[in-house]
Protein backbone atom coordinates (compact mmCIF):
# COMPACT_ATOMS: atom_id res chain seq x y z
CA UNK A 1 6.04 -8.79 -0.08
CA UNK A 2 9.27 -6.79 -0.82
CA UNK A 3 7.56 -3.29 -0.96
CA UNK A 4 4.64 -1.50 -0.90
CA UNK A 5 4.25 2.03 -3.03
CA UNK A 6 1.59 4.42 -1.55
CA UNK A 7 0.65 7.53 -3.96
CA UNK A 8 -1.92 10.29 -3.51
CA UNK A 9 -2.72 11.15 -7.07
CA UNK A 10 -3.75 9.44 -10.28
CA UNK A 11 -0.70 10.73 -12.22
CA UNK A 12 1.56 9.63 -9.34
CA UNK A 13 -0.55 6.02 -9.60
CA UNK A 14 0.44 5.92 -13.41
CA UNK A 15 4.22 6.71 -13.19
CA UNK A 16 4.71 3.72 -10.48
CA UNK A 17 2.60 1.65 -12.51
CA UNK A 18 4.33 1.61 -15.71
CA UNK A 19 7.38 -0.04 -13.73
CA UNK A 20 5.39 -2.99 -12.67
CA UNK A 21 5.14 -6.18 -15.08
CA UNK A 22 2.70 -9.28 -14.82
CA UNK A 23 0.27 -6.94 -12.68
CA UNK A 24 -2.91 -7.99 -11.38
CA UNK A 25 -5.26 -6.59 -8.85
CA UNK A 26 -5.86 -7.28 -5.55
CA UNK A 27 -8.51 -6.07 -3.02
CA UNK A 28 -8.44 -6.18 0.85
CA UNK A 29 -11.02 -7.07 3.17
CA UNK A 30 -11.99 -3.53 3.53
CA UNK A 31 -12.20 -3.08 -0.09
CA UNK A 32 -9.04 -1.16 -0.90
CA UNK A 33 -7.49 -1.79 -3.97
CA UNK A 34 -3.89 -2.79 -5.07
CA UNK A 35 -2.22 -3.46 -8.11
CA UNK A 36 0.57 -6.04 -7.63
CA UNK A 37 3.37 -6.77 -9.73
CA UNK A 38 7.11 -7.36 -10.04
CA UNK A 39 9.91 -4.90 -10.38
CA UNK A 40 12.26 -6.88 -12.76
CA UNK A 41 16.20 -6.89 -11.96
CA UNK A 42 18.38 -4.53 -13.97
CA UNK A 43 21.94 -5.01 -14.77
CA UNK A 44 23.13 -2.48 -12.42
CA UNK A 45 20.56 -3.58 -9.43
CA UNK A 46 20.22 -6.65 -7.16
CA UNK A 47 17.52 -9.25 -8.35
CA UNK A 48 13.88 -8.25 -8.59
CA UNK A 49 11.07 -7.60 -6.38
CA UNK A 50 7.43 -8.24 -5.65
CA UNK A 51 5.74 -4.87 -5.05
CA UNK A 52 1.84 -3.70 -4.30
CA UNK A 53 0.53 -0.41 -5.44
CA UNK A 54 -2.10 1.65 -3.67
CA UNK A 55 -3.83 5.01 -4.52
CA UNK A 56 -4.86 6.15 -1.26
CA UNK A 57 -6.09 9.68 -2.01
CA UNK A 58 -4.88 13.23 -0.79
CA UNK A 59 -4.63 13.94 2.96
CA UNK A 60 -3.29 12.90 6.09
CA UNK A 61 -6.25 11.24 7.36
CA UNK A 62 -6.44 8.79 4.48
CA UNK A 63 -2.92 8.15 4.33
CA UNK A 64 -2.86 6.90 8.18
CA UNK A 65 -5.99 4.80 7.63
CA UNK A 66 -4.76 3.13 4.68
CA UNK A 67 -1.19 2.81 5.39
CA UNK A 68 -2.02 0.93 8.69
CA UNK A 69 -4.15 -1.22 6.34
CA UNK A 70 -1.47 -1.89 3.74
CA UNK A 71 1.12 -2.82 6.70
CA UNK A 72 -1.13 -5.03 8.17
CA UNK A 73 -2.28 -6.84 4.73
CA UNK A 74 0.83 -7.08 3.31
CA UNK A 75 3.66 -7.03 6.42
CA UNK A 76 6.07 -5.47 3.61
CA UNK A 77 10.09 -5.46 3.77
CA UNK A 78 9.59 -1.44 3.19
CA UNK A 79 6.88 0.92 2.36
CA UNK A 80 7.68 3.75 0.07
CA UNK A 81 5.32 7.01 -0.07
CA UNK A 82 6.05 8.27 -3.44
CA UNK A 83 4.59 11.15 -5.73
CA UNK A 84 5.11 15.13 -6.10
CA UNK A 85 5.64 18.00 -3.47
CA UNK A 86 6.14 21.72 -3.25
CA UNK A 87 9.72 23.06 -2.89
CA UNK A 88 10.03 25.45 0.29
CA UNK A 89 13.50 27.14 -0.99
CA UNK A 90 14.95 27.95 -4.21
CA UNK A 91 17.16 24.61 -3.73
CA UNK A 92 15.90 21.74 -4.71
CA UNK A 93 14.91 23.08 -7.88
CA UNK A 94 11.88 21.80 -10.14
CA UNK A 95 12.27 18.26 -11.08
CA UNK A 96 14.93 17.32 -8.05
CA UNK A 97 13.80 14.45 -5.96
CA UNK A 98 13.77 14.82 -2.30
CA UNK A 99 14.42 11.87 0.02
CA UNK A 100 12.92 12.33 3.37
CA UNK A 101 15.25 11.95 6.49
CA UNK A 102 12.52 13.06 8.86
CA UNK A 103 8.72 14.08 8.57
CA UNK A 104 7.59 17.05 10.59
CA UNK A 105 3.68 17.48 11.53
CA UNK A 106 3.86 21.23 11.42
CA UNK A 107 0.14 21.93 12.13
CA UNK A 108 0.01 21.03 15.77
CA UNK A 109 0.16 23.38 18.32
CA UNK A 110 -1.90 25.59 21.00
CA UNK A 111 -3.79 28.82 19.86
CA UNK A 112 -3.57 31.61 21.97
CA UNK A 113 -4.11 35.12 22.16
CA UNK A 114 -2.13 36.98 19.40
CA UNK A 115 0.21 33.76 19.02
CA UNK A 116 0.40 30.22 17.96
CA UNK A 117 2.63 28.07 20.05
CA UNK A 118 3.75 24.96 17.87
CA UNK A 119 4.05 21.36 19.21
CA UNK A 120 6.44 19.78 17.21
CA UNK A 121 5.68 16.04 15.77
CA UNK A 122 8.69 14.46 14.03
CA UNK A 123 9.54 10.86 12.84
CA UNK A 124 13.18 9.93 11.56
CA UNK A 125 13.82 7.73 8.63
CA UNK A 126 15.14 4.61 9.64
CA UNK A 127 18.86 4.66 9.07
CA UNK A 128 19.33 1.48 7.05
CA UNK A 129 16.70 2.49 4.87
CA UNK A 130 18.22 5.81 4.48
CA UNK A 131 21.45 4.67 3.95
CA UNK A 132 20.12 2.24 1.27
CA UNK A 133 18.44 5.18 -0.70
CA UNK A 134 21.65 6.95 -0.40
CA UNK A 135 23.52 3.95 -2.02
CA UNK A 136 20.53 4.20 -4.77
CA UNK A 137 21.17 7.76 -5.36
CA UNK A 138 25.28 7.30 -5.66
CA UNK A 139 24.98 4.86 -8.24
CA UNK A 140 23.20 7.45 -10.67
CA UNK A 141 21.76 4.91 -12.96
CA UNK A 142 18.33 5.26 -11.87
CA UNK A 143 16.80 7.44 -14.24
CA UNK A 144 17.26 5.12 -17.39
CA UNK A 145 17.97 7.47 -20.21
CA UNK A 146 16.33 10.23 -18.66
CA UNK A 147 19.00 13.35 -17.30
CA UNK A 148 19.80 12.81 -14.03
CA UNK A 149 18.57 15.30 -11.59
CA UNK A 150 19.67 16.03 -8.23
CA UNK A 151 18.77 13.99 -5.44
CA UNK A 152 18.36 16.18 -1.94
CA UNK A 153 18.44 14.08 1.86
CA UNK A 154 16.24 16.59 3.79
CA UNK A 155 13.44 16.84 6.02
CA UNK A 156 9.80 17.17 4.88
CA UNK A 157 6.73 19.08 6.54
CA UNK A 158 3.29 17.65 6.17
CA UNK A 159 -0.25 19.05 6.62
CA UNK A 160 -3.31 19.39 5.08
CA UNK A 161 -2.87 22.64 3.27
CA UNK A 162 -1.98 23.22 -0.22
CA UNK A 163 0.71 26.00 0.05
CA UNK A 164 1.29 28.02 -2.77
CA UNK A 165 2.97 31.11 -1.12
CA UNK A 166 5.83 32.18 0.42
CA UNK A 167 4.31 34.94 2.38
CA UNK A 168 1.39 32.93 3.78
CA UNK A 169 1.05 32.56 7.37
CA UNK A 170 1.79 28.77 7.19
CA UNK A 171 4.96 29.64 5.22
CA UNK A 172 6.09 31.94 7.74
CA UNK A 173 5.39 29.19 10.36
CA UNK A 174 7.25 26.46 8.87
CA UNK A 175 9.82 29.14 7.72
CA UNK A 176 10.71 29.97 11.85
CA UNK A 177 10.25 26.45 13.31
CA UNK A 178 11.14 23.66 10.55
CA UNK A 179 13.81 25.74 8.53
CA UNK A 180 16.00 22.43 7.48
CA UNK A 181 12.97 21.24 5.60
CA UNK A 182 13.39 21.37 1.95
CA UNK A 183 9.73 20.24 0.59
CA UNK A 184 5.99 20.16 1.71
CA UNK A 185 3.30 17.41 1.37
CA UNK A 186 -0.14 16.24 2.53
CA UNK A 187 0.36 12.54 3.14
CA UNK A 188 3.61 11.89 5.23
CA UNK A 189 2.75 12.98 8.58
CA UNK A 190 -0.10 10.27 8.65
CA UNK A 191 1.91 7.65 6.72
CA UNK A 192 4.57 8.12 9.42
CA UNK A 193 2.25 8.34 12.51
CA UNK A 194 0.28 5.01 11.23
CA UNK A 195 3.81 3.15 10.55
CA UNK A 196 4.84 4.19 14.06
CA UNK A 197 1.38 2.92 15.75
CA UNK A 198 1.59 -0.42 13.72
CA UNK A 199 5.60 -0.82 15.25
CA UNK A 200 6.70 -0.68 11.53
CA UNK A 201 9.68 1.68 10.96
CA UNK A 202 10.87 0.72 7.06
CA UNK A 203 9.13 3.92 5.86
CA UNK A 204 10.60 6.43 3.43
CA UNK A 205 9.12 9.52 1.75
CA UNK A 206 10.21 10.10 -2.02
CA UNK A 207 9.07 13.31 -3.71
CA UNK A 208 9.60 15.22 -7.08
CA UNK A 209 9.56 18.78 -6.86
CA UNK A 210 6.68 19.79 -8.97
CA UNK A 211 6.23 23.41 -7.93
CA UNK A 212 8.29 26.18 -5.96
CA UNK A 213 5.07 26.64 -3.56
CA UNK A 214 5.57 30.36 -4.16
CA UNK A 215 2.39 31.19 -5.94
CA UNK A 216 3.06 29.65 -9.36
CA UNK A 217 1.77 26.38 -8.88
CA UNK A 218 -0.74 26.45 -11.42
CA UNK A 219 1.54 27.53 -13.86
CA UNK A 220 4.01 24.94 -13.13
CA UNK A 221 1.14 22.32 -13.52
CA UNK A 222 0.02 23.54 -16.83
CA UNK A 223 3.75 23.57 -17.81
CA UNK A 224 4.08 19.66 -17.29
CA UNK A 225 6.12 19.83 -14.16
CA UNK A 226 3.84 17.72 -11.95
CA UNK A 227 3.98 14.63 -14.38
CA UNK A 228 7.59 15.01 -14.93
CA UNK A 229 8.28 15.31 -11.44
CA UNK A 230 6.07 12.02 -10.67
CA UNK A 231 8.02 10.19 -13.18
CA UNK A 232 11.32 11.15 -11.51
CA UNK A 233 9.99 10.09 -7.84
CA UNK A 234 8.84 7.01 -9.47
CA UNK A 235 11.96 6.10 -10.90
CA UNK A 236 14.06 6.68 -7.70
CA UNK A 237 11.33 4.88 -5.74
CA UNK A 238 11.55 1.80 -8.14
CA UNK A 239 15.16 1.46 -7.47
CA UNK A 240 15.11 1.62 -4.08
CA UNK A 241 12.32 -0.76 -4.54
CA UNK A 242 14.64 -3.32 -6.48
CA UNK A 243 17.17 -2.62 -3.66
CA UNK A 244 14.96 -3.28 -0.77
CA UNK A 245 14.45 -6.89 -2.60
CA UNK A 246 18.37 -7.70 -2.94
CA UNK A 247 19.24 -7.25 0.58
CA UNK A 248 18.95 -10.04 3.43
CA UNK A 249 15.40 -9.97 5.24
CA UNK A 250 16.86 -10.49 8.74
CA UNK A 251 19.36 -12.12 10.83
CA UNK A 252 18.06 -15.56 10.58
CA UNK A 253 19.80 -16.19 7.23
CA UNK A 254 16.68 -15.64 5.02
CA UNK A 255 17.59 -13.58 2.21
CA UNK A 256 14.20 -13.86 0.53
CA UNK A 257 16.11 -13.04 -2.72
CA UNK A 258 13.97 -14.03 -5.97
CA UNK A 259 15.76 -16.36 -8.49
CA UNK A 260 14.14 -14.86 -11.44
CA UNK A 261 11.85 -11.56 -11.85
CA UNK A 262 8.84 -11.52 -10.11
CA UNK A 263 6.02 -12.99 -12.34
CA UNK A 264 2.07 -13.77 -11.82
CA UNK A 265 -0.04 -16.05 -13.44
CA UNK A 266 -2.99 -13.27 -14.03
CA UNK A 267 -3.24 -11.49 -16.86
CA UNK A 268 -1.86 -8.08 -17.12
CA UNK A 269 -4.26 -5.23 -16.63
CA UNK A 270 -4.79 -1.83 -16.96
CA UNK A 271 -7.61 -0.59 -14.61
CA UNK A 272 -9.17 -3.19 -12.04
CA UNK A 273 -12.95 -3.25 -11.76
CA UNK A 274 -14.45 -1.50 -8.74
CA UNK A 275 -15.71 -3.84 -5.88
CA UNK A 276 -17.54 -2.49 -2.70
CA UNK A 277 -16.06 -2.75 0.79
CA UNK A 278 -18.67 -5.51 1.78
CA UNK A 279 -18.34 -7.90 -1.35
CA UNK A 280 -14.73 -7.75 -2.40
CA UNK A 281 -14.10 -10.32 -5.51
CA UNK A 282 -12.38 -13.49 -4.97
CA UNK A 283 -8.63 -13.18 -4.94
CA UNK A 284 -6.93 -16.11 -6.81
CA UNK A 285 -3.74 -17.61 -5.15
CA UNK A 286 -0.59 -17.97 -6.57
CA UNK A 287 0.39 -21.06 -7.70
CA UNK A 288 4.08 -22.00 -6.57
CA UNK A 289 6.42 -23.44 -8.86
CA UNK A 290 9.22 -26.24 -7.72
CA UNK A 291 12.57 -25.25 -7.75
CA UNK A 292 15.47 -27.30 -7.32
CA UNK A 293 17.68 -27.03 -3.75
CA UNK A 294 14.36 -25.67 -1.92
CA UNK A 295 14.56 -22.19 -3.15
CA UNK A 296 11.52 -20.33 -3.23
CA UNK A 297 10.20 -18.36 -6.34
CA UNK A 298 8.55 -14.70 -6.13
CA UNK A 299 5.26 -16.04 -6.52
CA UNK A 300 5.84 -18.69 -3.42
CA UNK A 301 7.04 -15.98 -1.14
CA UNK A 302 3.91 -14.17 -1.66
CA UNK A 303 1.65 -16.97 -1.10
CA UNK A 304 3.70 -17.80 2.04
CA UNK A 305 3.45 -14.45 3.42
CA UNK A 306 0.03 -13.65 2.63
CA UNK A 307 -1.15 -16.93 4.80
CA UNK A 308 0.60 -15.45 7.91
CA UNK A 309 -0.87 -11.96 7.80
CA UNK A 310 -3.26 -11.09 10.18
CA UNK A 311 -6.80 -9.96 8.19
CA UNK A 312 -8.47 -7.54 10.28
CA UNK A 313 -7.58 -3.51 11.31
CA UNK A 314 -9.59 -1.54 13.55
CA UNK A 315 -10.42 1.18 11.53
CA UNK A 316 -11.65 3.42 14.69
CA UNK A 317 -7.89 3.30 15.43
CA UNK A 318 -6.56 4.34 12.01
CA UNK A 319 -9.03 7.12 12.20
CA UNK A 320 -7.67 8.25 15.23
CA UNK A 321 -4.34 8.03 14.51
CA UNK A 322 -5.15 10.51 11.57
CA UNK A 323 -7.27 12.84 14.03
CA UNK A 324 -4.46 12.81 16.77
CA UNK A 325 -1.97 14.54 14.57
CA UNK A 326 -4.10 17.88 14.26
CA UNK A 327 -5.25 18.75 17.43
CA UNK A 328 -7.22 22.15 17.05
CA UNK A 329 -7.74 21.52 13.17
CA UNK A 330 -11.58 21.86 12.24
CA UNK A 331 -11.77 18.16 10.93
CA UNK A 332 -14.61 16.29 11.15
CA UNK A 333 -15.46 12.76 10.40
CA UNK A 334 -18.69 10.94 9.07
CA UNK A 335 -19.56 7.74 10.50
CA UNK A 336 -22.28 7.02 8.29
CA UNK A 337 -21.68 5.79 4.89
CA UNK A 338 -25.25 5.86 3.51
CA UNK A 339 -26.80 9.20 2.39
CA UNK A 340 -29.79 10.60 4.62
CA UNK A 341 -31.04 9.66 7.57
CA UNK A 342 -29.51 5.92 8.22
CA UNK A 343 -32.59 4.32 9.89
CA UNK A 344 -36.02 5.75 7.63
CA UNK A 345 -33.88 7.00 3.96
CA UNK A 346 -35.83 4.79 1.82
CA UNK A 347 -36.82 5.40 -1.67
CA UNK A 348 -40.29 6.41 -0.33
CA UNK A 349 -38.67 9.23 1.57
CA UNK A 350 -37.16 11.06 -1.27
CA UNK A 351 -38.64 13.17 -4.24
CA UNK A 352 -37.19 14.04 -7.24
CA UNK A 353 -36.53 17.96 -7.66
CA UNK A 354 -35.32 18.44 -11.12
CA UNK A 355 -33.39 16.48 -13.59
CA UNK A 356 -30.66 18.14 -16.19
CA UNK A 357 -30.17 16.29 -19.35
CA UNK A 358 -26.83 17.93 -20.72
CA UNK A 359 -24.25 19.74 -18.65
CA UNK A 360 -20.23 20.55 -19.21
CA UNK A 361 -18.31 20.96 -16.14
CA UNK A 362 -14.82 22.38 -17.31
CA UNK A 363 -11.59 22.33 -15.75
CA UNK A 364 -11.09 24.40 -12.59
CA UNK A 365 -14.76 25.17 -12.33
CA UNK A 366 -17.64 24.24 -9.31
CA UNK A 367 -21.14 23.15 -9.74
CA UNK A 368 -23.65 23.69 -7.09
CA UNK A 369 -26.11 20.85 -8.17
CA UNK A 370 -29.31 22.19 -6.75
CA UNK A 371 -29.29 25.43 -9.13
CA UNK A 372 -26.86 24.13 -11.77
CA UNK A 373 -24.99 27.39 -10.88
CA UNK A 374 -21.25 27.09 -11.81
CA UNK A 375 -18.28 29.33 -10.18
CA UNK A 376 -14.32 29.78 -10.18
CA UNK A 377 -12.38 27.08 -8.08
CA UNK A 378 -9.55 28.10 -5.94
CA UNK A 379 -7.73 25.05 -4.39
CA UNK A 380 -6.79 27.04 -1.37
CA UNK A 381 -10.68 27.88 -0.82
CA UNK A 382 -11.70 23.87 -1.05
CA UNK A 383 -13.75 24.16 2.42
CA UNK A 384 -15.07 27.77 1.57
CA UNK A 385 -17.41 27.62 -0.99
CA UNK A 386 -20.87 27.52 0.07
CA UNK A 387 -23.68 25.78 -2.01
CA UNK A 388 -20.79 24.54 -4.30
CA UNK A 389 -20.81 20.72 -4.06
CA UNK A 390 -18.37 19.75 -6.90
CA UNK A 391 -15.40 20.46 -8.98
CA UNK A 392 -13.33 19.44 -11.71
CA UNK A 393 -9.72 20.56 -11.09
CA UNK A 394 -6.32 19.64 -12.06
CA UNK A 395 -6.48 19.26 -15.65
CA UNK A 396 -9.87 17.44 -15.34
CA UNK A 397 -7.87 14.26 -13.57
CA UNK A 398 -10.03 14.83 -9.97
CA UNK A 399 -13.54 15.24 -9.12
CA UNK A 400 -13.10 17.30 -5.67
CA UNK A 401 -16.69 17.52 -3.70
CA UNK A 402 -16.64 20.42 -1.77
CA UNK A 403 -17.47 21.42 2.04
CA UNK A 404 -19.50 18.82 3.78
CA UNK A 405 -20.59 17.08 0.17
CA UNK A 406 -19.56 13.46 -0.32
CA UNK A 407 -19.10 11.19 -3.25
CA UNK A 408 -19.48 7.70 -4.36
CA UNK A 409 -18.65 6.02 -7.47
CA UNK A 410 -20.94 3.08 -8.32
CA UNK A 411 -19.73 -0.41 -9.55
CA UNK A 412 -22.37 -0.78 -12.10
CA UNK A 413 -24.31 1.56 -14.22
CA UNK A 414 -27.86 2.12 -14.74
CA UNK A 415 -31.00 3.73 -14.36
CA UNK A 416 -30.67 7.21 -12.56
CA UNK A 417 -32.81 5.83 -9.59
CA UNK A 418 -32.28 7.02 -5.76
CA UNK A 419 -32.23 3.44 -4.47
CA UNK A 420 -28.99 3.19 -6.51
CA UNK A 421 -27.78 6.18 -4.53
CA UNK A 422 -29.09 4.85 -1.35
CA UNK A 423 -27.33 1.51 -1.71
CA UNK A 424 -23.90 2.66 -2.38
CA UNK A 425 -21.73 1.87 0.40
CA UNK A 426 -18.42 3.95 -0.56
CA UNK A 427 -19.21 7.89 0.19
CA UNK A 428 -16.03 9.67 0.78
CA UNK A 429 -15.43 12.95 2.38
CA UNK A 430 -14.18 15.77 0.75
CA UNK A 431 -12.11 13.87 -2.51
CA UNK A 432 -12.26 11.13 -4.56
CA UNK A 433 -8.98 10.97 -6.65
CA UNK A 434 -7.93 9.59 -9.96
CA UNK A 435 -11.38 9.87 -11.27
CA UNK A 436 -10.44 9.76 -14.94
CA UNK A 437 -10.06 5.97 -15.34
CA UNK A 438 -13.42 5.90 -13.56
CA UNK A 439 -14.82 8.25 -15.88
CA UNK A 440 -13.35 6.30 -19.03
CA UNK A 441 -15.14 3.21 -17.63
CA UNK A 442 -18.70 5.22 -17.73
CA UNK A 443 -19.13 4.74 -13.95
CA UNK A 444 -22.17 6.66 -12.51
CA UNK A 445 -21.27 8.69 -9.46
CA UNK A 446 -23.56 9.73 -6.56
CA UNK A 447 -23.24 13.07 -4.57
CA UNK A 448 -24.67 13.88 -1.33
CA UNK A 449 -24.61 17.52 -1.32
CA UNK A 450 -23.86 20.26 0.95
CA UNK A 451 -27.60 20.73 1.67
CA UNK A 452 -28.04 17.04 2.38
CA UNK A 453 -29.84 16.34 -1.02
CA UNK A 454 -28.98 13.51 -3.17
CA UNK A 455 -27.46 13.41 -6.74
CA UNK A 456 -26.76 10.92 -9.42
CA UNK A 457 -24.23 11.93 -12.34
CA UNK A 458 -24.18 9.87 -15.46
CA UNK A 459 -21.19 10.53 -17.52
CA UNK A 460 -21.44 11.16 -21.13
CA UNK A 461 -18.25 12.31 -22.44
CA UNK A 462 -15.17 12.06 -20.02
CA UNK A 463 -12.10 14.39 -20.04
CA UNK A 464 -9.73 13.46 -22.71
CA UNK A 465 -6.42 15.26 -24.12
CA UNK A 466 -8.48 17.27 -26.37
CA UNK A 467 -11.07 18.49 -23.99
CA UNK A 468 -10.13 19.03 -20.45
CA UNK A 469 -14.12 18.75 -19.22
CA UNK A 470 -16.54 16.38 -18.39
CA UNK A 471 -20.12 16.20 -19.74
CA UNK A 472 -22.71 14.68 -17.89
CA UNK A 473 -26.51 14.30 -16.85
CA UNK A 474 -27.92 14.39 -13.42
CA UNK A 475 -30.93 14.17 -11.35
CA UNK A 476 -31.68 15.57 -8.04
CA UNK A 477 -33.23 14.41 -5.34
CA UNK A 478 -34.60 15.77 -1.72
CA UNK A 479 -35.50 14.15 1.48
CA UNK A 480 -38.83 14.85 2.46
C-alpha cells in the first residue's frame, strides 16, 4: 500500500473519496471500514499510487486507536491525516493549506493552585516526507483548475477542544507556549503518538484552514469555508500521495512504482454496507495480472503486502496511547459495548416507557429522549448538557451523543424491539461522524441515554439540501 488517508469528518471523507478510482470496500478484523482505490497518474506527477481511506471520527483517542490499526493492516509507505483546522493567527488565511512540520499536544500539564504548568509533547514530521511535500507545493499544479492557495509549513497544536475564541484560556495557553503554531485540530496528536509507538514515522498532517478560531466558526461554516478548505487539503494530500507512489521504497532497489494507474476488479461503490465488528464480510483477493519482465502490477503489490501484514493489534495498548496524551483531563472509556447490565440485561429486564411516532430534530438542536424536550446546542458545551441525549449539528451531517450517552448504528432495519438494541456491538462514546450516508440508507440508530435507558430511532426522512433536519420515530425502554 502506498498511502493511507485518515479523515475525521464526512465532508473530508467525501473530498478525498472523489479522487479515488476503482474504489471498493475493505473491512478489517476490528470492523473498521476503508475504501481502497487508485490515484491515477497526472502529467506533472509520478505514476499513480494505491491508497486506502478511512473515516476515524473526531478526537485524539479515536485517532490513536484507528491509526495503529491502519498501520498494522496496511504498513503503508506514508500515512496522511487530512482535513480542516482552525487558524491561530491572521496568517494563514481562510482556504490556505497548512502542512505540519511538528505536532504539539498542548493539553498535558500539571494544575497547581493559581497556575497551570504545561508538560509539552511534540512529534516532528519525518524530514524526507516533509521535503516531498515542499516539492509538491513548489510544483503549484496540485489544485488543478482551482486558484492555488498559499501552503504554509508550520507546527500544528492538537487537543480535544473546539477552539472558537482568541481570548479563551486555551487560546492564551497556546499563544504563550506554542507561539510558532499556525493551526489547531483534534486528531494530530493521537495519530502522531500511535505512529511513534508503532515505530512508524512516515506520518504527516495536512489541514485546510476553515475558520480563524476567533468566534466566527459558525459563520465561516455557514459560508461554506469548511467544505472548501477540506477540498483544498484533499487536493494537496492526493498530490502528495501520488508523489509518494513515485518514489523508491527503500535502499534494496524495490521501487514499487506501478506501471499503470492502479485498478481493482471490484466495481466502484459510493457507500459500503455496514458490518459488525464480530462478523466482517469476506474480502475479495485482488487477482494479479502477468506482466512481461516480472514487473508487478498495483493489484499484485497490494496482494503481496497484504499477506505480509500482522492481523492483530492490542486495542488496550492503543486506548492507553490516547489516554496517556492528556493526563489530568477527565476522559472516560467504557469497556462494555452492550447497554445495561452486561450479565443479566435481557429483553425481559426492560420495559417500554413510551413511543414517539413523529419528531423532527433540526440543525444545531438537542433532544432529551426521556422527555422529548429540545434545546439549544453549543459545540463548546458538548459535555455540559445534562439530560440531553443527542444533537444534530454541522448542517445536519453529524449526530452527536452528549455526555455519557452512547450510540450504535444497526446494520439492518427492522421492528423497534429492545432485543435489536441489546444485540448491537458497536456502541460509540461521544460522537458518531458521517451520519448523513447512514441516514440516507434508512439505518436504525440505538442510543443508550444519559440516564442509562435505551432508545431506538428509525429515520423517516434524512437531512437534505432543502432541509437541515432529520425526522424520525423512536421508542424508549427503561431497565426494570
